Amino acid sequence: RRELADARQRLADRRDIKKAKGLLMQRGGLDENTAFEKLRNLAMHRNLRLGDAARSLLAAAELL
């Protein structure tokens, strides 16, 4: 059960990271590598996992 939960979490993280990169690329006019770097920096500065940082970015974008 634990392995299944971990696999589902990894898939959700990938999906959300891809969406967050797309958002950064669309709104910021960034290429994919730069968008990923900005997302990674956000995660590092806020001490979050990459998937959690992506979800935070997506939630903030929904509010705006």
Protein backbone atom coordinates (compact mmCIF):
# COMPACT_ATOMS: atom_id res chain seq x y z
CA ARG A 1 0.00 0.00 0.00
CA ARG A 2 2.85 2.35 0.84
CA GLU A 3 4.48 1.79 -2.56
CA LEU A 4 1.20 2.51 -4.32
CA ALA A 5 0.72 5.71 -2.33
CA ASP A 6 4.30 6.79 -3.13
CA ALA A 7 3.80 6.09 -6.84
CA ARG A 8 0.57 8.09 -6.87
CA GLN A 9 2.29 10.99 -5.11
CA ARG A 10 5.15 10.98 -7.61
CA LEU A 11 2.68 11.04 -10.51
CA ALA A 12 0.74 13.90 -8.92
CA ASP A 13 4.01 15.79 -8.37
CA ARG A 14 5.03 15.35 -12.01
CA ARG A 15 1.62 16.50 -13.22
CA ASP A 16 1.66 19.60 -11.02
CA ILE A 17 5.28 20.44 -11.87
CA LYS A 18 4.43 20.25 -15.57
CA LYS A 19 1.40 22.52 -15.08
CA ALA A 20 3.42 25.03 -13.04
CA LYS A 21 6.18 25.11 -15.66
CA GLY A 22 3.57 25.71 -18.34
CA LEU A 23 2.10 28.56 -16.33
CA LEU A 24 5.51 30.17 -15.88
CA MET A 25 6.28 29.72 -19.56
CA GLN A 26 2.96 31.23 -20.64
CA ARG A 27 2.77 34.15 -18.24
CA GLY A 28 6.47 34.87 -17.97
CA GLY A 29 7.52 34.22 -21.53
CA LEU A 30 10.14 31.76 -20.30
CA ASP A 31 11.58 28.68 -21.94
CA GLU A 32 11.11 25.31 -20.24
CA ASN A 33 14.54 25.18 -18.61
CA THR A 34 14.24 28.67 -17.14
CA ALA A 35 10.73 27.95 -15.87
CA PHE A 36 11.94 24.78 -14.15
CA GLU A 37 14.89 26.65 -12.65
CA LYS A 38 12.57 29.32 -11.22
CA LEU A 39 10.28 26.66 -9.79
CA ARG A 40 13.24 24.83 -8.27
CA ASN A 41 14.55 28.07 -6.73
CA LEU A 42 11.11 28.76 -5.25
CA ALA A 43 11.11 25.31 -3.67
CA MET A 44 14.62 25.74 -2.26
CA HIS A 45 13.96 29.21 -0.82
CA ARG A 46 10.74 28.11 0.84
CA ASN A 47 12.17 24.74 1.92
CA LEU A 48 9.47 22.82 0.04
CA ARG A 49 9.45 19.73 -2.09
CA LEU A 50 9.25 20.57 -5.79
CA GLY A 51 5.72 19.18 -6.10
CA ASP A 52 4.54 21.24 -3.14
CA ALA A 53 6.09 24.40 -4.59
CA ALA A 54 4.34 23.71 -7.89
CA ARG A 55 1.00 23.30 -6.11
CA SER A 56 1.57 26.57 -4.21
CA LEU A 57 2.30 28.39 -7.46
CA LEU A 58 -0.80 26.93 -9.12
CA ALA A 59 -2.98 27.88 -6.14
CA ALA A 60 -1.65 31.44 -6.16
CA ALA A 61 -2.29 31.71 -9.90
CA GLU A 62 -5.90 30.64 -9.37
CA LEU A 63 -6.40 33.51 -6.96
CA LEU A 64 -5.10 36.02 -9.47
